[in-house]
Amino acid sequence: MDWKIIDANWAIWKTRIQKHWPKLTDEDLHRIGGNRLRLADKISQEYPISEVQAEHDILVWLTAQKQD
């Protein structure tokens, strides 16, 4: 799946993202606003991983998603 779809439909996708990364709050997701780099940064802050690992985790998650 292309990140552009996630970004364009952030209100729908942020629920799925929060299920996968439950440490992210509604406020965090509001601030991220569909920006992939901000998401990676916030994941790396909330979980004990580097930003590079967070970006990799996002890619793995993104690959597993099906377009609705």
PDB file of N, CA and C in Angstrom:
ATOM      1  N   MET A   1       0.836  -1.176   0.000  1.00  0.00           N
ATOM      2  CA  MET A   1       0.000   0.000   0.000  1.00  0.00           C
ATOM      3  C   MET A   1       0.884   1.245   0.000  1.00  0.00           C
ATOM      4  N   ASP A   2       0.402   2.258  -0.638  1.00  0.00           N
ATOM      5  CA  ASP A   2       1.112   3.528  -0.740  1.00  0.00           C
ATOM      6  C   ASP A   2       0.754   4.410   0.462  1.00  0.00           C
ATOM      7  N   TRP A   3       1.759   5.057   1.050  1.00  0.00           N
ATOM      8  CA  TRP A   3       1.522   5.915   2.207  1.00  0.00           C
ATOM      9  C   TRP A   3       0.570   7.066   1.875  1.00  0.00           C
ATOM     10  N   LYS A   4       0.508   7.479   0.628  1.00  0.00           N
ATOM     11  CA  LYS A   4      -0.391   8.563   0.236  1.00  0.00           C
ATOM     12  C   LYS A   4      -1.838   8.248   0.590  1.00  0.00           C
ATOM     13  N   ILE A   5      -2.205   6.975   0.510  1.00  0.00           N
ATOM     14  CA  ILE A   5      -3.563   6.549   0.874  1.00  0.00           C
ATOM     15  C   ILE A   5      -3.782   6.734   2.371  1.00  0.00           C
ATOM     16  N   ILE A   6      -2.773   6.375   3.169  1.00  0.00           N
ATOM     17  CA  ILE A   6      -2.862   6.549   4.623  1.00  0.00           C
ATOM     18  C   ILE A   6      -2.998   8.032   4.953  1.00  0.00           C
ATOM     19  N   ASP A   7      -2.155   8.832   4.359  1.00  0.00           N
ATOM     20  CA  ASP A   7      -2.145  10.274   4.622  1.00  0.00           C
ATOM     21  C   ASP A   7      -3.486  10.910   4.235  1.00  0.00           C
ATOM     22  N   ALA A   8      -3.997  10.557   3.083  1.00  0.00           N
ATOM     23  CA  ALA A   8      -5.246  11.142   2.592  1.00  0.00           C
ATOM     24  C   ALA A   8      -6.464  10.717   3.414  1.00  0.00           C
ATOM     25  N   ASN A   9      -6.363   9.576   4.069  1.00  0.00           N
ATOM     26  CA  ASN A   9      -7.472   9.038   4.856  1.00  0.00           C
ATOM     27  C   ASN A   9      -7.068   8.849   6.311  1.00  0.00           C
ATOM     28  N   TRP A  10      -6.327   9.802   6.837  1.00  0.00           N
ATOM     29  CA  TRP A  10      -5.737   9.689   8.165  1.00  0.00           C
ATOM     30  C   TRP A  10      -6.780   9.398   9.241  1.00  0.00           C
ATOM     31  N   ALA A  11      -7.936  10.007   9.169  1.00  0.00           N
ATOM     32  CA  ALA A  11      -8.966   9.814  10.193  1.00  0.00           C
ATOM     33  C   ALA A  11      -9.354   8.339  10.328  1.00  0.00           C
ATOM     34  N   ILE A  12      -9.336   7.628   9.241  1.00  0.00           N
ATOM     35  CA  ILE A  12      -9.673   6.199   9.260  1.00  0.00           C
ATOM     36  C   ILE A  12      -8.478   5.365   9.709  1.00  0.00           C
ATOM     37  N   TRP A  13      -7.320   5.639   9.154  1.00  0.00           N
ATOM     38  CA  TRP A  13      -6.139   4.814   9.380  1.00  0.00           C
ATOM     39  C   TRP A  13      -5.508   5.005  10.747  1.00  0.00           C
ATOM     40  N   LYS A  14      -5.703   6.136  11.373  1.00  0.00           N
ATOM     41  CA  LYS A  14      -5.043   6.352  12.664  1.00  0.00           C
ATOM     42  C   LYS A  14      -5.528   5.367  13.719  1.00  0.00           C
ATOM     43  N   THR A  15      -6.757   4.872  13.597  1.00  0.00           N
ATOM     44  CA  THR A  15      -7.255   3.855  14.524  1.00  0.00           C
ATOM     45  C   THR A  15      -6.459   2.562  14.376  1.00  0.00           C
ATOM     46  N   ARG A  16      -6.183   2.168  13.154  1.00  0.00           N
ATOM     47  CA  ARG A  16      -5.383   0.956  12.913  1.00  0.00           C
ATOM     48  C   ARG A  16      -3.954   1.145  13.414  1.00  0.00           C
ATOM     49  N   ILE A  17      -3.434   2.335  13.213  1.00  0.00           N
ATOM     50  CA  ILE A  17      -2.076   2.624  13.682  1.00  0.00           C
ATOM     51  C   ILE A  17      -2.028   2.552  15.201  1.00  0.00           C
ATOM     52  N   GLN A  18      -3.037   3.095  15.848  1.00  0.00           N
ATOM     53  CA  GLN A  18      -3.057   3.079  17.312  1.00  0.00           C
ATOM     54  C   GLN A  18      -3.213   1.658  17.853  1.00  0.00           C
ATOM     55  N   LYS A  19      -3.916   0.800  17.142  1.00  0.00           N
ATOM     56  CA  LYS A  19      -4.028  -0.604  17.554  1.00  0.00           C
ATOM     57  C   LYS A  19      -2.674  -1.296  17.463  1.00  0.00           C
ATOM     58  N   HIS A  20      -1.904  -0.935  16.457  1.00  0.00           N
ATOM     59  CA  HIS A  20      -0.578  -1.562  16.274  1.00  0.00           C
ATOM     60  C   HIS A  20       0.458  -0.983  17.231  1.00  0.00           C
ATOM     61  N   TRP A  21       0.390   0.303  17.488  1.00  0.00           N
ATOM     62  CA  TRP A  21       1.304   0.983  18.403  1.00  0.00           C
ATOM     63  C   TRP A  21       0.470   1.647  19.505  1.00  0.00           C
ATOM     64  N   PRO A  22       0.017   0.872  20.485  1.00  0.00           N
ATOM     65  CA  PRO A  22      -0.933   1.384  21.485  1.00  0.00           C
ATOM     66  C   PRO A  22      -0.392   2.468  22.415  1.00  0.00           C
ATOM     67  N   LYS A  23       0.896   2.672  22.461  1.00  0.00           N
ATOM     68  CA  LYS A  23       1.443   3.749  23.295  1.00  0.00           C
ATOM     69  C   LYS A  23       1.190   5.128  22.690  1.00  0.00           C
ATOM     70  N   LEU A  24       0.802   5.171  21.427  1.00  0.00           N
ATOM     71  CA  LEU A  24       0.509   6.449  20.782  1.00  0.00           C
ATOM     72  C   LEU A  24      -0.883   6.903  21.204  1.00  0.00           C
ATOM     73  N   THR A  25      -0.972   8.112  21.683  1.00  0.00           N
ATOM     74  CA  THR A  25      -2.247   8.653  22.148  1.00  0.00           C
ATOM     75  C   THR A  25      -3.023   9.303  21.003  1.00  0.00           C
ATOM     76  N   ASP A  26      -4.277   9.614  21.278  1.00  0.00           N
ATOM     77  CA  ASP A  26      -5.075  10.337  20.284  1.00  0.00           C
ATOM     78  C   ASP A  26      -4.421  11.680  19.955  1.00  0.00           C
ATOM     79  N   GLU A  27      -3.903  12.337  20.986  1.00  0.00           N
ATOM     80  CA  GLU A  27      -3.223  13.626  20.784  1.00  0.00           C
ATOM     81  C   GLU A  27      -1.985  13.456  19.908  1.00  0.00           C
ATOM     82  N   ASP A  28      -1.204  12.404  20.163  1.00  0.00           N
ATOM     83  CA  ASP A  28      -0.029  12.114  19.323  1.00  0.00           C
ATOM     84  C   ASP A  28      -0.444  11.972  17.862  1.00  0.00           C
ATOM     85  N   LEU A  29      -1.478  11.176  17.643  1.00  0.00           N
ATOM     86  CA  LEU A  29      -1.923  10.910  16.274  1.00  0.00           C
ATOM     87  C   LEU A  29      -2.487  12.168  15.623  1.00  0.00           C
ATOM     88  N   HIS A  30      -3.128  13.009  16.402  1.00  0.00           N
ATOM     89  CA  HIS A  30      -3.615  14.281  15.877  1.00  0.00           C
ATOM     90  C   HIS A  30      -2.438  15.148  15.412  1.00  0.00           C
ATOM     91  N   ARG A  31      -1.393  15.206  16.237  1.00  0.00           N
ATOM     92  CA  ARG A  31      -0.204  15.998  15.884  1.00  0.00           C
ATOM     93  C   ARG A  31       0.531  15.421  14.677  1.00  0.00           C
ATOM     94  N   ILE A  32       0.572  14.103  14.579  1.00  0.00           N
ATOM     95  CA  ILE A  32       1.251  13.437  13.461  1.00  0.00           C
ATOM     96  C   ILE A  32       0.534  13.761  12.157  1.00  0.00           C
ATOM     97  N   GLY A  33      -0.790  13.750  12.190  1.00  0.00           N
ATOM     98  CA  GLY A  33      -1.588  14.189  11.055  1.00  0.00           C
ATOM     99  C   GLY A  33      -1.301  13.512   9.726  1.00  0.00           C
ATOM    100  N   GLY A  34      -0.862  12.272   9.754  1.00  0.00           N
ATOM    101  CA  GLY A  34      -0.597  11.549   8.508  1.00  0.00           C
ATOM    102  C   GLY A  34       0.831  11.651   8.005  1.00  0.00           C
ATOM    103  N   ASN A  35       1.679  12.400   8.704  1.00  0.00           N
ATOM    104  CA  ASN A  35       3.068  12.570   8.278  1.00  0.00           C
ATOM    105  C   ASN A  35       3.888  11.357   8.741  1.00  0.00           C
ATOM    106  N   ARG A  36       4.409  10.630   7.788  1.00  0.00           N
ATOM    107  CA  ARG A  36       5.138   9.385   8.081  1.00  0.00           C
ATOM    108  C   ARG A  36       6.398   9.627   8.919  1.00  0.00           C
ATOM    109  N   LEU A  37       7.116  10.692   8.642  1.00  0.00           N
ATOM    110  CA  LEU A  37       8.330  10.976   9.407  1.00  0.00           C
ATOM    111  C   LEU A  37       8.006  11.320  10.862  1.00  0.00           C
ATOM    112  N   ARG A  38       6.929  12.070  11.064  1.00  0.00           N
ATOM    113  CA  ARG A  38       6.506  12.377  12.438  1.00  0.00           C
ATOM    114  C   ARG A  38       6.075  11.116  13.160  1.00  0.00           C
ATOM    115  N   LEU A  39       5.428  10.212  12.436  1.00  0.00           N
ATOM    116  CA  LEU A  39       5.020   8.942  13.029  1.00  0.00           C
ATOM    117  C   LEU A  39       6.242   8.141  13.460  1.00  0.00           C
ATOM    118  N   ALA A  40       7.233   8.029  12.606  1.00  0.00           N
ATOM    119  CA  ALA A  40       8.460   7.303  12.944  1.00  0.00           C
ATOM    120  C   ALA A  40       9.149   7.933  14.151  1.00  0.00           C
ATOM    121  N   ASP A  41       9.189   9.246  14.183  1.00  0.00           N
ATOM    122  CA  ASP A  41       9.806   9.948  15.309  1.00  0.00           C
ATOM    123  C   ASP A  41       9.073   9.642  16.609  1.00  0.00           C
ATOM    124  N   LYS A  42       7.755   9.680  16.578  1.00  0.00           N
ATOM    125  CA  LYS A  42       6.975   9.443  17.793  1.00  0.00           C
ATOM    126  C   LYS A  42       7.085   7.993  18.238  1.00  0.00           C
ATOM    127  N   ILE A  43       7.078   7.067  17.301  1.00  0.00           N
ATOM    128  CA  ILE A  43       7.250   5.654  17.647  1.00  0.00           C
ATOM    129  C   ILE A  43       8.597   5.444  18.320  1.00  0.00           C
ATOM    130  N   SER A  44       9.639   6.063  17.790  1.00  0.00           N
ATOM    131  CA  SER A  44      10.979   5.901  18.370  1.00  0.00           C
ATOM    132  C   SER A  44      11.058   6.512  19.768  1.00  0.00           C
ATOM    133  N   GLN A  45      10.239   7.527  20.044  1.00  0.00           N
ATOM    134  CA  GLN A  45      10.202   8.126  21.381  1.00  0.00           C
ATOM    135  C   GLN A  45       9.458   7.238  22.375  1.00  0.00           C
ATOM    136  N   GLU A  46       8.380   6.634  21.931  1.00  0.00           N
ATOM    137  CA  GLU A  46       7.523   5.858  22.827  1.00  0.00           C
ATOM    138  C   GLU A  46       7.985   4.417  23.030  1.00  0.00           C
ATOM    139  N   TYR A  47       8.727   3.893  22.090  1.00  0.00           N
ATOM    140  CA  TYR A  47       9.226   2.521  22.167  1.00  0.00           C
ATOM    141  C   TYR A  47      10.753   2.588  22.142  1.00  0.00           C
ATOM    142  N   PRO A  48      11.424   1.654  22.763  1.00  0.00           N
ATOM    143  CA  PRO A  48      12.896   1.727  22.834  1.00  0.00           C
ATOM    144  C   PRO A  48      13.572   1.280  21.539  1.00  0.00           C
ATOM    145  N   ILE A  49      13.317   2.034  20.458  1.00  0.00           N
ATOM    146  CA  ILE A  49      13.924   1.709  19.171  1.00  0.00           C
ATOM    147  C   ILE A  49      14.418   2.991  18.503  1.00  0.00           C
ATOM    148  N   SER A  50      15.296   2.818  17.543  1.00  0.00           N
ATOM    149  CA  SER A  50      15.801   3.977  16.791  1.00  0.00           C
ATOM    150  C   SER A  50      14.752   4.438  15.782  1.00  0.00           C
ATOM    151  N   GLU A  51      14.948   5.628  15.269  1.00  0.00           N
ATOM    152  CA  GLU A  51      14.041   6.144  14.249  1.00  0.00           C
ATOM    153  C   GLU A  51      14.130   5.299  12.973  1.00  0.00           C
ATOM    154  N   VAL A  52      15.314   4.796  12.677  1.00  0.00           N
ATOM    155  CA  VAL A  52      15.496   3.921  11.505  1.00  0.00           C
ATOM    156  C   VAL A  52      14.686   2.636  11.693  1.00  0.00           C
ATOM    157  N   GLN A  53      14.742   2.062  12.892  1.00  0.00           N
ATOM    158  CA  GLN A  53      13.959   0.857  13.169  1.00  0.00           C
ATOM    159  C   GLN A  53      12.470   1.165  13.122  1.00  0.00           C
ATOM    160  N   ALA A  54      12.072   2.318  13.632  1.00  0.00           N
ATOM    161  CA  ALA A  54      10.663   2.716  13.587  1.00  0.00           C
ATOM    162  C   ALA A  54      10.187   2.821  12.142  1.00  0.00           C
ATOM    163  N   GLU A  55      11.001   3.410  11.282  1.00  0.00           N
ATOM    164  CA  GLU A  55      10.640   3.536   9.873  1.00  0.00           C
ATOM    165  C   GLU A  55      10.522   2.149   9.240  1.00  0.00           C
ATOM    166  N   HIS A  56      11.413   1.251   9.595  1.00  0.00           N
ATOM    167  CA  HIS A  56      11.338  -0.127   9.089  1.00  0.00           C
ATOM    168  C   HIS A  56      10.043  -0.791   9.565  1.00  0.00           C
ATOM    169  N   ASP A  57       9.709  -0.617  10.834  1.00  0.00           N
ATOM    170  CA  ASP A  57       8.483  -1.195  11.388  1.00  0.00           C
ATOM    171  C   ASP A  57       7.243  -0.648  10.681  1.00  0.00           C
ATOM    172  N   ILE A  58       7.258   0.634  10.365  1.00  0.00           N
ATOM    173  CA  ILE A  58       6.145   1.235   9.620  1.00  0.00           C
ATOM    174  C   ILE A  58       6.034   0.585   8.246  1.00  0.00           C
ATOM    175  N   LEU A  59       7.158   0.390   7.578  1.00  0.00           N
ATOM    176  CA  LEU A  59       7.159  -0.235   6.259  1.00  0.00           C
ATOM    177  C   LEU A  59       6.595  -1.658   6.325  1.00  0.00           C
ATOM    178  N   VAL A  60       7.005  -2.416   7.328  1.00  0.00           N
ATOM    179  CA  VAL A  60       6.491  -3.779   7.497  1.00  0.00           C
ATOM    180  C   VAL A  60       4.985  -3.738   7.724  1.00  0.00           C
ATOM    181  N   TRP A  61       4.539  -2.831   8.617  1.00  0.00           N
ATOM    182  CA  TRP A  61       3.111  -2.685   8.894  1.00  0.00           C
ATOM    183  C   TRP A  61       2.366  -2.279   7.622  1.00  0.00           C
ATOM    184  N   LEU A  62       2.910  -1.320   6.899  1.00  0.00           N
ATOM    185  CA  LEU A  62       2.294  -0.801   5.687  1.00  0.00           C
ATOM    186  C   LEU A  62       2.140  -1.901   4.636  1.00  0.00           C
ATOM    187  N   THR A  63       3.144  -2.725   4.494  1.00  0.00           N
ATOM    188  CA  THR A  63       3.120  -3.816   3.531  1.00  0.00           C
ATOM    189  C   THR A  63       2.014  -4.817   3.861  1.00  0.00           C
ATOM    190  N   ALA A  64       1.727  -4.995   5.133  1.00  0.00           N
ATOM    191  CA  ALA A  64       0.712  -5.965   5.562  1.00  0.00           C
ATOM    192  C   ALA A  64      -0.721  -5.435   5.433  1.00  0.00           C
ATOM    193  N   GLN A  65      -0.869  -4.144   5.188  1.00  0.00           N
ATOM    194  CA  GLN A  65      -2.209  -3.543   5.110  1.00  0.00           C
ATOM    195  C   GLN A  65      -2.833  -3.776   3.751  1.00  0.00           C
ATOM    196  N   LYS A  66      -4.135  -3.940   3.779  1.00  0.00           N
ATOM    197  CA  LYS A  66      -4.887  -4.078   2.547  1.00  0.00           C
ATOM    198  C   LYS A  66      -5.724  -2.836   2.364  1.00  0.00           C
ATOM    199  N   GLN A  67      -5.788  -2.386   1.140  1.00  0.00           N
ATOM    200  CA  GLN A  67      -6.577  -1.193   0.836  1.00  0.00           C
ATOM    201  C   GLN A  67      -8.064  -1.559   0.892  1.00  0.00           C
ATOM    202  N   ASP A  68      -8.815  -0.793   1.647  1.00  0.00           N
ATOM    203  CA  ASP A  68     -10.265  -1.042   1.770  1.00  0.00           C
ATOM    204  C   ASP A  68     -11.047  -0.317   0.712  1.00  0.00           C
TER     205      ASP A  68
END
